[in-house]
């Protein structure tokens, strides 16, 4: 009887031990699962208040503000040319001679004079050329005063006005950005092209720019000061509304944090950048890459920050 009791006690003890051993690891595993949280790798951007310029782009040619075609007083043959392209001439300076050379009549050479002071930019005649009174002997330009002429499509004319600032680049100087300003806006449109003529001047003038150059004009149509600007990739759209994920609080670990989903209102967009008019302040850190899988309160690992 004693032996049987001892056996029962021993079996009970072994069962208890086995039960404890089988339950212990499972319980620990479950607790460990609860402690493991998903961390999403993201890149962030710290907001700053800056300027954002909206603009229109056009192509235009550099021309002289003042240029005059030189016409002879008489028709005839060119007997002498006293200048070449690139020469500076003064007003009333003789640049060529024309002789009527009519049969049976002897004429003295008639001088062709420069009507303004400037530089010879075109000289289409040579000695022996026959010209009429409507023919151009030369073109004199004021190369110290240049303008850039562009044509604005009708749909953009409401955004153009005198005094607007612009930047211009040229193929000859691809890394240089020249400042310019609108000084003349045509009051009428060309009915054949439905465009409006606009002229700009370099501000300040630059001797590197030559007549005949082709410029790429970026005309600033709206300038916003102290704007909160984000990369456009930072915005996500849910239910037709715009949101961003903002780093709300640090978590244990150097780069780990918690994000908060925040609705924002956007303004103008320029070159993959967007103005935020409501919902963000300067010096806030916003997720710009890796946010597609995030939700409000998600844990993230910040792998890079700009």
C-alpha atoms as a PDB file:
ATOM      1  CA  UNK A   1       0.000   0.000   0.000  1.00  0.00           C
ATOM      2  CA  UNK A   2       2.810   2.363   0.810  1.00  0.00           C
ATOM      3  CA  UNK A   3       4.562   1.476  -2.407  1.00  0.00           C
ATOM      4  CA  UNK A   4       1.464   2.266  -4.443  1.00  0.00           C
ATOM      5  CA  UNK A   5       1.046   5.661  -2.748  1.00  0.00           C
ATOM      6  CA  UNK A   6       4.642   6.511  -3.467  1.00  0.00           C
ATOM      7  CA  UNK A   7       4.153   5.626  -7.134  1.00  0.00           C
ATOM      8  CA  UNK A   8       1.082   7.845  -7.377  1.00  0.00           C
ATOM      9  CA  UNK A   9       2.934  10.752  -5.775  1.00  0.00           C
ATOM     10  CA  UNK A  10       5.899  10.300  -8.154  1.00  0.00           C
ATOM     11  CA  UNK A  11       3.693  10.199 -11.240  1.00  0.00           C
ATOM     12  CA  UNK A  12       1.877  13.341 -10.125  1.00  0.00           C
ATOM     13  CA  UNK A  13       5.149  15.155  -9.577  1.00  0.00           C
ATOM     14  CA  UNK A  14       6.440  14.190 -13.030  1.00  0.00           C
ATOM     15  CA  UNK A  15       3.195  15.357 -14.670  1.00  0.00           C
ATOM     16  CA  UNK A  16       3.441  18.703 -12.932  1.00  0.00           C
ATOM     17  CA  UNK A  17       7.029  19.138 -14.059  1.00  0.00           C
ATOM     18  CA  UNK A  18       6.180  18.182 -17.638  1.00  0.00           C
ATOM     19  CA  UNK A  19       3.226  20.555 -17.648  1.00  0.00           C
ATOM     20  CA  UNK A  20       5.390  23.426 -16.398  1.00  0.00           C
ATOM     21  CA  UNK A  21       8.113  22.659 -18.965  1.00  0.00           C
ATOM     22  CA  UNK A  22       5.635  22.526 -21.863  1.00  0.00           C
ATOM     23  CA  UNK A  23       3.815  25.760 -20.904  1.00  0.00           C
ATOM     24  CA  UNK A  24       6.860  27.830 -20.009  1.00  0.00           C
ATOM     25  CA  UNK A  25       8.486  28.218 -23.504  1.00  0.00           C
ATOM     26  CA  UNK A  26       5.129  28.883 -25.198  1.00  0.00           C
ATOM     27  CA  UNK A  27       4.273  31.638 -22.776  1.00  0.00           C
ATOM     28  CA  UNK A  28       7.741  33.189 -23.183  1.00  0.00           C
ATOM     29  CA  UNK A  29       7.472  33.037 -26.985  1.00  0.00           C
ATOM     30  CA  UNK A  30       4.098  34.786 -26.910  1.00  0.00           C
ATOM     31  CA  UNK A  31       5.444  37.519 -24.678  1.00  0.00           C
ATOM     32  CA  UNK A  32       8.451  37.937 -26.979  1.00  0.00           C
ATOM     33  CA  UNK A  33       6.147  38.245 -30.010  1.00  0.00           C
ATOM     34  CA  UNK A  34       4.248  41.050 -28.306  1.00  0.00           C
ATOM     35  CA  UNK A  35       7.473  42.956 -27.678  1.00  0.00           C
ATOM     36  CA  UNK A  36       8.683  42.723 -31.328  1.00  0.00           C
ATOM     37  CA  UNK A  37       7.322  45.653 -33.382  1.00  0.00           C
ATOM     38  CA  UNK A  38       7.729  46.341 -37.105  1.00  0.00           C
ATOM     39  CA  UNK A  39      10.127  49.172 -37.955  1.00  0.00           C
ATOM     40  CA  UNK A  40       9.817  50.764 -41.401  1.00  0.00           C
ATOM     41  CA  UNK A  41      12.926  52.230 -43.033  1.00  0.00           C
ATOM     42  CA  UNK A  42      12.277  55.818 -44.130  1.00  0.00           C
ATOM     43  CA  UNK A  43      14.017  58.980 -45.307  1.00  0.00           C
ATOM     44  CA  UNK A  44      13.033  62.337 -43.859  1.00  0.00           C
ATOM     45  CA  UNK A  45      13.228  66.023 -44.712  1.00  0.00           C
ATOM     46  CA  UNK A  46      13.368  68.907 -42.249  1.00  0.00           C
ATOM     47  CA  UNK A  47      11.101  71.770 -43.270  1.00  0.00           C
ATOM     48  CA  UNK A  48      12.379  75.328 -43.581  1.00  0.00           C
ATOM     49  CA  UNK A  49      10.737  78.612 -44.504  1.00  0.00           C
ATOM     50  CA  UNK A  50      12.046  79.756 -47.884  1.00  0.00           C
ATOM     51  CA  UNK A  51      11.092  81.355 -51.184  1.00  0.00           C
ATOM     52  CA  UNK A  52       9.256  79.569 -53.991  1.00  0.00           C
ATOM     53  CA  UNK A  53       9.035  81.077 -57.475  1.00  0.00           C
ATOM     54  CA  UNK A  54       6.515  79.929 -60.042  1.00  0.00           C
ATOM     55  CA  UNK A  55       7.596  80.581 -63.615  1.00  0.00           C
ATOM     56  CA  UNK A  56       6.994  80.170 -67.328  1.00  0.00           C
ATOM     57  CA  UNK A  57       9.708  79.149 -69.782  1.00  0.00           C
ATOM     58  CA  UNK A  58      10.233  80.580 -73.265  1.00  0.00           C
ATOM     59  CA  UNK A  59      12.911  80.798 -75.909  1.00  0.00           C
ATOM     60  CA  UNK A  60      14.029  84.135 -77.316  1.00  0.00           C
ATOM     61  CA  UNK A  61      16.640  85.851 -79.460  1.00  0.00           C
ATOM     62  CA  UNK A  62      19.063  88.527 -78.359  1.00  0.00           C
ATOM     63  CA  UNK A  63      18.802  91.689 -80.441  1.00  0.00           C
ATOM     64  CA  UNK A  64      19.957  95.275 -80.243  1.00  0.00           C
ATOM     65  CA  UNK A  65      17.562  97.770 -78.695  1.00  0.00           C
ATOM     66  CA  UNK A  66      18.456 100.200 -81.490  1.00  0.00           C
ATOM     67  CA  UNK A  67      19.270  98.894 -84.969  1.00  0.00           C
ATOM     68  CA  UNK A  68      18.882 100.632 -88.309  1.00  0.00           C
ATOM     69  CA  UNK A  69      19.055  99.392 -91.868  1.00  0.00           C
ATOM     70  CA  UNK A  70      21.237 101.733 -93.939  1.00  0.00           C
ATOM     71  CA  UNK A  71      19.734 102.651 -97.334  1.00  0.00           C
ATOM     72  CA  UNK A  72      21.499 104.530-100.162  1.00  0.00           C
ATOM     73  CA  UNK A  73      20.190 107.881-101.409  1.00  0.00           C
ATOM     74  CA  UNK A  74      20.608 106.746-105.019  1.00  0.00           C
ATOM     75  CA  UNK A  75      20.394 103.466-106.911  1.00  0.00           C
ATOM     76  CA  UNK A  76      23.517 102.222-108.654  1.00  0.00           C
ATOM     77  CA  UNK A  77      26.625 100.146-108.108  1.00  0.00           C
ATOM     78  CA  UNK A  78      28.723  99.983-104.966  1.00  0.00           C
ATOM     79  CA  UNK A  79      32.113 101.431-105.860  1.00  0.00           C
ATOM     80  CA  UNK A  80      33.722 101.329-102.424  1.00  0.00           C
ATOM     81  CA  UNK A  81      33.034  99.799 -98.997  1.00  0.00           C
ATOM     82  CA  UNK A  82      34.863 101.458 -96.113  1.00  0.00           C
ATOM     83  CA  UNK A  83      33.811  99.220 -93.185  1.00  0.00           C
ATOM     84  CA  UNK A  84      33.481  95.562 -92.256  1.00  0.00           C
ATOM     85  CA  UNK A  85      31.196  93.637 -89.927  1.00  0.00           C
ATOM     86  CA  UNK A  86      32.053  94.388 -86.300  1.00  0.00           C
ATOM     87  CA  UNK A  87      33.405  97.903 -86.907  1.00  0.00           C
ATOM     88  CA  UNK A  88      32.180 100.768 -84.725  1.00  0.00           C
ATOM     89  CA  UNK A  89      30.877 103.758 -86.698  1.00  0.00           C
ATOM     90  CA  UNK A  90      29.676 107.189 -85.678  1.00  0.00           C
ATOM     91  CA  UNK A  91      26.561 108.954 -86.839  1.00  0.00           C
ATOM     92  CA  UNK A  92      26.993 110.423 -90.391  1.00  0.00           C
ATOM     93  CA  UNK A  93      30.213 108.453 -90.939  1.00  0.00           C
ATOM     94  CA  UNK A  94      30.577 107.338 -94.579  1.00  0.00           C
ATOM     95  CA  UNK A  95      30.459 103.548 -94.827  1.00  0.00           C
ATOM     96  CA  UNK A  96      30.231 103.077 -98.628  1.00  0.00           C
ATOM     97  CA  UNK A  97      29.907 104.860-102.000  1.00  0.00           C
ATOM     98  CA  UNK A  98      27.344 104.297-104.740  1.00  0.00           C
ATOM     99  CA  UNK A  99      27.584 105.487-108.362  1.00  0.00           C
ATOM    100  CA  UNK A 100      24.407 105.650-110.506  1.00  0.00           C
ATOM    101  CA  UNK A 101      26.448 104.769-113.662  1.00  0.00           C
ATOM    102  CA  UNK A 102      23.758 105.821-116.102  1.00  0.00           C
ATOM    103  CA  UNK A 103      24.591 105.619-119.801  1.00  0.00           C
ATOM    104  CA  UNK A 104      25.757 108.932-121.228  1.00  0.00           C
ATOM    105  CA  UNK A 105      25.855 110.650-117.856  1.00  0.00           C
ATOM    106  CA  UNK A 106      28.800 111.015-115.486  1.00  0.00           C
ATOM    107  CA  UNK A 107      27.974 111.092-111.796  1.00  0.00           C
ATOM    108  CA  UNK A 108      30.121 111.516-108.755  1.00  0.00           C
ATOM    109  CA  UNK A 109      29.991 108.732-106.184  1.00  0.00           C
ATOM    110  CA  UNK A 110      27.202 109.213-103.686  1.00  0.00           C
ATOM    111  CA  UNK A 111      28.181 108.561-100.052  1.00  0.00           C
ATOM    112  CA  UNK A 112      26.179 106.184 -97.865  1.00  0.00           C
ATOM    113  CA  UNK A 113      26.246 107.395 -94.260  1.00  0.00           C
ATOM    114  CA  UNK A 114      25.529 105.711 -90.937  1.00  0.00           C
ATOM    115  CA  UNK A 115      22.284 107.136 -89.489  1.00  0.00           C
ATOM    116  CA  UNK A 116      23.257 106.327 -85.872  1.00  0.00           C
ATOM    117  CA  UNK A 117      26.334 105.583 -83.831  1.00  0.00           C
ATOM    118  CA  UNK A 118      26.799 101.861 -83.371  1.00  0.00           C
ATOM    119  CA  UNK A 119      28.407  98.704 -84.649  1.00  0.00           C
ATOM    120  CA  UNK A 120      28.133  97.208 -88.142  1.00  0.00           C
ATOM    121  CA  UNK A 121      26.272  93.935 -87.585  1.00  0.00           C
ATOM    122  CA  UNK A 122      25.371  93.168 -91.193  1.00  0.00           C
ATOM    123  CA  UNK A 123      27.009  94.080 -94.499  1.00  0.00           C
ATOM    124  CA  UNK A 124      25.290  92.253 -97.356  1.00  0.00           C
ATOM    125  CA  UNK A 125      26.973  94.167-100.227  1.00  0.00           C
ATOM    126  CA  UNK A 126      30.395  94.113-101.846  1.00  0.00           C
ATOM    127  CA  UNK A 127      32.107  96.339-104.401  1.00  0.00           C
ATOM    128  CA  UNK A 128      30.265  95.931-107.702  1.00  0.00           C
ATOM    129  CA  UNK A 129      26.935  95.050-106.124  1.00  0.00           C
ATOM    130  CA  UNK A 130      23.892  96.750-107.640  1.00  0.00           C
ATOM    131  CA  UNK A 131      21.576  98.379-105.133  1.00  0.00           C
ATOM    132  CA  UNK A 132      18.306 100.260-105.231  1.00  0.00           C
ATOM    133  CA  UNK A 133      17.078 102.929-102.876  1.00  0.00           C
ATOM    134  CA  UNK A 134      15.127 100.190-101.091  1.00  0.00           C
ATOM    135  CA  UNK A 135      18.182  97.943-100.715  1.00  0.00           C
ATOM    136  CA  UNK A 136      20.005  97.575 -97.433  1.00  0.00           C
ATOM    137  CA  UNK A 137      23.677  98.395 -97.649  1.00  0.00           C
ATOM    138  CA  UNK A 138      24.394  97.643 -93.982  1.00  0.00           C
ATOM    139  CA  UNK A 139      22.828  97.316 -90.561  1.00  0.00           C
ATOM    140  CA  UNK A 140      24.058  99.436 -87.670  1.00  0.00           C
ATOM    141  CA  UNK A 141      23.211  98.287 -84.135  1.00  0.00           C
ATOM    142  CA  UNK A 142      23.743  99.656 -80.646  1.00  0.00           C
ATOM    143  CA  UNK A 143      25.343  96.538 -79.181  1.00  0.00           C
ATOM    144  CA  UNK A 144      25.820  98.144 -75.781  1.00  0.00           C
ATOM    145  CA  UNK A 145      22.021  98.003 -75.319  1.00  0.00           C
ATOM    146  CA  UNK A 146      20.600  94.535 -75.863  1.00  0.00           C
ATOM    147  CA  UNK A 147      17.163  93.052 -75.487  1.00  0.00           C
ATOM    148  CA  UNK A 148      15.722  89.556 -75.552  1.00  0.00           C
ATOM    149  CA  UNK A 149      12.563  89.162 -77.619  1.00  0.00           C
ATOM    150  CA  UNK A 150      10.077  86.434 -76.749  1.00  0.00           C
ATOM    151  CA  UNK A 151       6.546  85.583 -77.898  1.00  0.00           C
ATOM    152  CA  UNK A 152       3.968  84.759 -75.210  1.00  0.00           C
ATOM    153  CA  UNK A 153       1.063  82.454 -76.057  1.00  0.00           C
ATOM    154  CA  UNK A 154      -2.377  83.996 -75.564  1.00  0.00           C
ATOM    155  CA  UNK A 155      -3.261  81.724 -72.625  1.00  0.00           C
ATOM    156  CA  UNK A 156      -0.353  83.134 -70.582  1.00  0.00           C
ATOM    157  CA  UNK A 157      -0.728  86.871 -71.164  1.00  0.00           C
ATOM    158  CA  UNK A 158      -2.660  87.457 -67.928  1.00  0.00           C
ATOM    159  CA  UNK A 159       0.493  86.418 -66.033  1.00  0.00           C
ATOM    160  CA  UNK A 160       2.833  88.893 -67.761  1.00  0.00           C
ATOM    161  CA  UNK A 161       3.512  92.504 -66.793  1.00  0.00           C
ATOM    162  CA  UNK A 162       6.230  95.150 -66.962  1.00  0.00           C
ATOM    163  CA  UNK A 163       8.970  94.850 -64.371  1.00  0.00           C
ATOM    164  CA  UNK A 164       8.717  91.078 -63.930  1.00  0.00           C
ATOM    165  CA  UNK A 165      11.985  89.374 -63.077  1.00  0.00           C
ATOM    166  CA  UNK A 166      13.460  86.563 -65.124  1.00  0.00           C
ATOM    167  CA  UNK A 167      16.557  84.439 -65.498  1.00  0.00           C
ATOM    168  CA  UNK A 168      18.218  83.586 -68.816  1.00  0.00           C
ATOM    169  CA  UNK A 169      20.664  80.867 -69.823  1.00  0.00           C
ATOM    170  CA  UNK A 170      22.655  80.494 -73.044  1.00  0.00           C
ATOM    171  CA  UNK A 171      24.297  77.458 -74.643  1.00  0.00           C
ATOM    172  CA  UNK A 172      27.568  79.395 -74.784  1.00  0.00           C
ATOM    173  CA  UNK A 173      27.574  79.679 -70.961  1.00  0.00           C
ATOM    174  CA  UNK A 174      25.556  76.664 -69.730  1.00  0.00           C
ATOM    175  CA  UNK A 175      26.569  77.066 -66.089  1.00  0.00           C
ATOM    176  CA  UNK A 176      25.876  80.819 -65.892  1.00  0.00           C
ATOM    177  CA  UNK A 177      22.442  82.235 -65.017  1.00  0.00           C
ATOM    178  CA  UNK A 178      21.870  85.824 -66.141  1.00  0.00           C
ATOM    179  CA  UNK A 179      19.318  88.117 -64.532  1.00  0.00           C
ATOM    180  CA  UNK A 180      16.765  89.952 -66.677  1.00  0.00           C
ATOM    181  CA  UNK A 181      13.642  92.081 -66.381  1.00  0.00           C
ATOM    182  CA  UNK A 182      10.618  92.745 -68.618  1.00  0.00           C
ATOM    183  CA  UNK A 183      10.659  96.319 -69.934  1.00  0.00           C
ATOM    184  CA  UNK A 184       8.142  96.216 -72.787  1.00  0.00           C
ATOM    185  CA  UNK A 185       4.879  94.313 -73.281  1.00  0.00           C
ATOM    186  CA  UNK A 186       3.034  94.680 -76.575  1.00  0.00           C
ATOM    187  CA  UNK A 187      -0.534  96.009 -76.175  1.00  0.00           C
ATOM    188  CA  UNK A 188      -1.739  93.812 -79.062  1.00  0.00           C
ATOM    189  CA  UNK A 189      -1.479  90.204 -80.168  1.00  0.00           C
ATOM    190  CA  UNK A 190      -0.227  88.905 -83.483  1.00  0.00           C
ATOM    191  CA  UNK A 191      -3.417  87.584 -85.095  1.00  0.00           C
ATOM    192  CA  UNK A 192      -1.564  85.007 -87.185  1.00  0.00           C
ATOM    193  CA  UNK A 193       0.292  83.357 -84.280  1.00  0.00           C
ATOM    194  CA  UNK A 194      -1.974  84.387 -81.359  1.00  0.00           C
ATOM    195  CA  UNK A 195       1.095  85.511 -79.426  1.00  0.00           C
ATOM    196  CA  UNK A 196       2.102  88.719 -77.661  1.00  0.00           C
ATOM    197  CA  UNK A 197       5.555  90.240 -78.074  1.00  0.00           C
ATOM    198  CA  UNK A 198       7.533  90.813 -74.882  1.00  0.00           C
ATOM    199  CA  UNK A 199      11.002  92.315 -74.521  1.00  0.00           C
ATOM    200  CA  UNK A 200      13.467  91.878 -71.657  1.00  0.00           C
ATOM    201  CA  UNK A 201      16.788  93.466 -70.795  1.00  0.00           C
ATOM    202  CA  UNK A 202      19.662  91.838 -69.000  1.00  0.00           C
ATOM    203  CA  UNK A 203      19.944  93.127 -65.450  1.00  0.00           C
ATOM    204  CA  UNK A 204      22.797  93.972 -65.119  1.00  0.00           C
ATOM    205  CA  UNK A 205      24.112  94.151 -68.725  1.00  0.00           C
ATOM    206  CA  UNK A 206      26.838  91.628 -69.569  1.00  0.00           C
ATOM    207  CA  UNK A 207      29.373  91.930 -72.387  1.00  0.00           C
ATOM    208  CA  UNK A 208      29.479  88.150 -72.832  1.00  0.00           C
ATOM    209  CA  UNK A 209      25.991  88.192 -74.361  1.00  0.00           C
ATOM    210  CA  UNK A 210      26.005  88.911 -78.107  1.00  0.00           C
ATOM    211  CA  UNK A 211      23.402  89.915 -80.672  1.00  0.00           C
ATOM    212  CA  UNK A 212      21.903  86.840 -82.301  1.00  0.00           C
ATOM    213  CA  UNK A 213      22.309  84.504 -79.332  1.00  0.00           C
ATOM    214  CA  UNK A 214      19.402  82.230 -78.395  1.00  0.00           C
ATOM    215  CA  UNK A 215      18.358  82.433 -74.757  1.00  0.00           C
ATOM    216  CA  UNK A 216      16.173  80.216 -72.580  1.00  0.00           C
ATOM    217  CA  UNK A 217      14.069  82.571 -70.508  1.00  0.00           C
ATOM    218  CA  UNK A 218      12.514  81.594 -67.177  1.00  0.00           C
ATOM    219  CA  UNK A 219       9.976  84.305 -66.394  1.00  0.00           C
ATOM    220  CA  UNK A 220       8.919  84.493 -62.735  1.00  0.00           C
ATOM    221  CA  UNK A 221       5.128  84.880 -62.564  1.00  0.00           C
ATOM    222  CA  UNK A 222       4.610  84.422 -58.818  1.00  0.00           C
ATOM    223  CA  UNK A 223       7.032  84.666 -55.911  1.00  0.00           C
ATOM    224  CA  UNK A 224       6.065  83.404 -52.458  1.00  0.00           C
ATOM    225  CA  UNK A 225       8.164  84.460 -49.473  1.00  0.00           C
ATOM    226  CA  UNK A 226       8.671  82.397 -46.290  1.00  0.00           C
ATOM    227  CA  UNK A 227       6.872  79.410 -47.755  1.00  0.00           C
ATOM    228  CA  UNK A 228       7.003  75.907 -46.259  1.00  0.00           C
ATOM    229  CA  UNK A 229       8.201  73.822 -49.205  1.00  0.00           C
ATOM    230  CA  UNK A 230       8.360  70.032 -49.432  1.00  0.00           C
ATOM    231  CA  UNK A 231       9.404  67.547 -52.110  1.00  0.00           C
ATOM    232  CA  UNK A 232       6.203  66.542 -53.888  1.00  0.00           C
ATOM    233  CA  UNK A 233       7.000  62.872 -53.095  1.00  0.00           C
ATOM    234  CA  UNK A 234       6.286  63.538 -49.406  1.00  0.00           C
ATOM    235  CA  UNK A 235       2.539  63.925 -49.994  1.00  0.00           C
ATOM    236  CA  UNK A 236       0.156  60.979 -50.000  1.00  0.00           C
ATOM    237  CA  UNK A 237      -3.510  61.126 -50.947  1.00  0.00           C
ATOM    238  CA  UNK A 238      -6.145  59.250 -48.975  1.00  0.00           C
ATOM    239  CA  UNK A 239      -9.873  59.703 -49.487  1.00  0.00           C
ATOM    240  CA  UNK A 240      -9.157  62.652 -51.765  1.00  0.00           C
ATOM    241  CA  UNK A 241      -7.196  64.548 -49.097  1.00  0.00           C
ATOM    242  CA  UNK A 242      -3.482  65.324 -48.836  1.00  0.00           C
ATOM    243  CA  UNK A 243      -1.446  64.033 -45.903  1.00  0.00           C
ATOM    244  CA  UNK A 244       2.139  63.785 -44.721  1.00  0.00           C
ATOM    245  CA  UNK A 245       3.779  61.688 -42.016  1.00  0.00           C
ATOM    246  CA  UNK A 246       5.521  63.805 -39.396  1.00  0.00           C
ATOM    247  CA  UNK A 247       8.045  62.485 -36.913  1.00  0.00           C
ATOM    248  CA  UNK A 248       6.127  62.926 -33.671  1.00  0.00           C
ATOM    249  CA  UNK A 249       8.347  61.493 -30.938  1.00  0.00           C
ATOM    250  CA  UNK A 250      11.689  59.704 -30.602  1.00  0.00           C
ATOM    251  CA  UNK A 251      11.793  56.061 -29.618  1.00  0.00           C
ATOM    252  CA  UNK A 252      14.515  54.051 -27.958  1.00  0.00           C
ATOM    253  CA  UNK A 253      17.397  53.827 -30.380  1.00  0.00           C
ATOM    254  CA  UNK A 254      19.349  56.449 -32.259  1.00  0.00           C
ATOM    255  CA  UNK A 255      17.301  56.606 -35.472  1.00  0.00           C
ATOM    256  CA  UNK A 256      13.993  55.053 -34.443  1.00  0.00           C
ATOM    257  CA  UNK A 257      10.868  57.201 -34.024  1.00  0.00           C
ATOM    258  CA  UNK A 258       7.081  57.316 -34.165  1.00  0.00           C
ATOM    259  CA  UNK A 259       5.166  59.036 -36.971  1.00  0.00           C
ATOM    260  CA  UNK A 260       1.878  60.926 -36.942  1.00  0.00           C
ATOM    261  CA  UNK A 261      -0.417  61.214 -39.964  1.00  0.00           C
ATOM    262  CA  UNK A 262      -1.266  64.875 -40.565  1.00  0.00           C
ATOM    263  CA  UNK A 263      -3.569  66.488 -43.106  1.00  0.00           C
ATOM    264  CA  UNK A 264      -2.082  69.426 -45.022  1.00  0.00           C
ATOM    265  CA  UNK A 265      -3.202  71.994 -47.596  1.00  0.00           C
ATOM    266  CA  UNK A 266      -0.971  72.502 -50.599  1.00  0.00           C
ATOM    267  CA  UNK A 267      -0.386  75.633 -52.677  1.00  0.00           C
ATOM    268  CA  UNK A 268       1.585  75.979 -55.906  1.00  0.00           C
ATOM    269  CA  UNK A 269       3.840  73.229 -57.274  1.00  0.00           C
ATOM    270  CA  UNK A 270       7.144  74.053 -58.982  1.00  0.00           C
ATOM    271  CA  UNK A 271       9.789  71.582 -60.210  1.00  0.00           C
ATOM    272  CA  UNK A 272       8.643  68.646 -58.032  1.00  0.00           C
ATOM    273  CA  UNK A 273       8.369  70.934 -55.016  1.00  0.00           C
ATOM    274  CA  UNK A 274       5.097  71.861 -53.376  1.00  0.00           C
ATOM    275  CA  UNK A 275       4.123  74.740 -51.104  1.00  0.00           C
ATOM    276  CA  UNK A 276       2.307  73.764 -47.896  1.00  0.00           C
ATOM    277  CA  UNK A 277      -0.061  76.546 -46.864  1.00  0.00           C
ATOM    278  CA  UNK A 278      -1.584  74.793 -43.836  1.00  0.00           C
ATOM    279  CA  UNK A 279      -0.675  71.904 -41.562  1.00  0.00           C
ATOM    280  CA  UNK A 280       3.098  72.264 -41.240  1.00  0.00           C
ATOM    281  CA  UNK A 281       5.552  74.608 -39.550  1.00  0.00           C
ATOM    282  CA  UNK A 282       9.256  75.199 -40.056  1.00  0.00           C
ATOM    283  CA  UNK A 283      11.724  72.771 -38.408  1.00  0.00           C
ATOM    284  CA  UNK A 284       9.356  69.798 -38.503  1.00  0.00           C
ATOM    285  CA  UNK A 285      10.668  66.485 -39.813  1.00  0.00           C
ATOM    286  CA  UNK A 286       8.582  64.877 -42.555  1.00  0.00           C
ATOM    287  CA  UNK A 287       8.873  61.440 -44.153  1.00  0.00           C
ATOM    288  CA  UNK A 288       9.665  61.785 -47.871  1.00  0.00           C
ATOM    289  CA  UNK A 289      10.496  58.203 -48.796  1.00  0.00           C
ATOM    290  CA  UNK A 290       9.092  54.909 -47.526  1.00  0.00           C
ATOM    291  CA  UNK A 291       5.759  56.293 -46.319  1.00  0.00           C
ATOM    292  CA  UNK A 292       3.412  54.227 -48.501  1.00  0.00           C
ATOM    293  CA  UNK A 293       3.082  51.420 -45.902  1.00  0.00           C
ATOM    294  CA  UNK A 294       2.861  53.685 -42.869  1.00  0.00           C
ATOM    295  CA  UNK A 295      -0.136  54.415 -40.669  1.00  0.00           C
ATOM    296  CA  UNK A 296      -0.678  56.859 -37.846  1.00  0.00           C
ATOM    297  CA  UNK A 297       1.550  55.768 -34.945  1.00  0.00           C
ATOM    298  CA  UNK A 298       3.819  53.486 -37.006  1.00  0.00           C
ATOM    299  CA  UNK A 299       7.358  52.948 -35.796  1.00  0.00           C
ATOM    300  CA  UNK A 300      10.083  53.930 -38.246  1.00  0.00           C
ATOM    301  CA  UNK A 301      13.805  53.695 -38.592  1.00  0.00           C
ATOM    302  CA  UNK A 302      15.258  56.896 -40.081  1.00  0.00           C
ATOM    303  CA  UNK A 303      17.988  55.808 -42.493  1.00  0.00           C
ATOM    304  CA  UNK A 304      18.672  59.253 -43.962  1.00  0.00           C
ATOM    305  CA  UNK A 305      17.637  62.834 -43.306  1.00  0.00           C
ATOM    306  CA  UNK A 306      18.030  66.024 -45.325  1.00  0.00           C
END
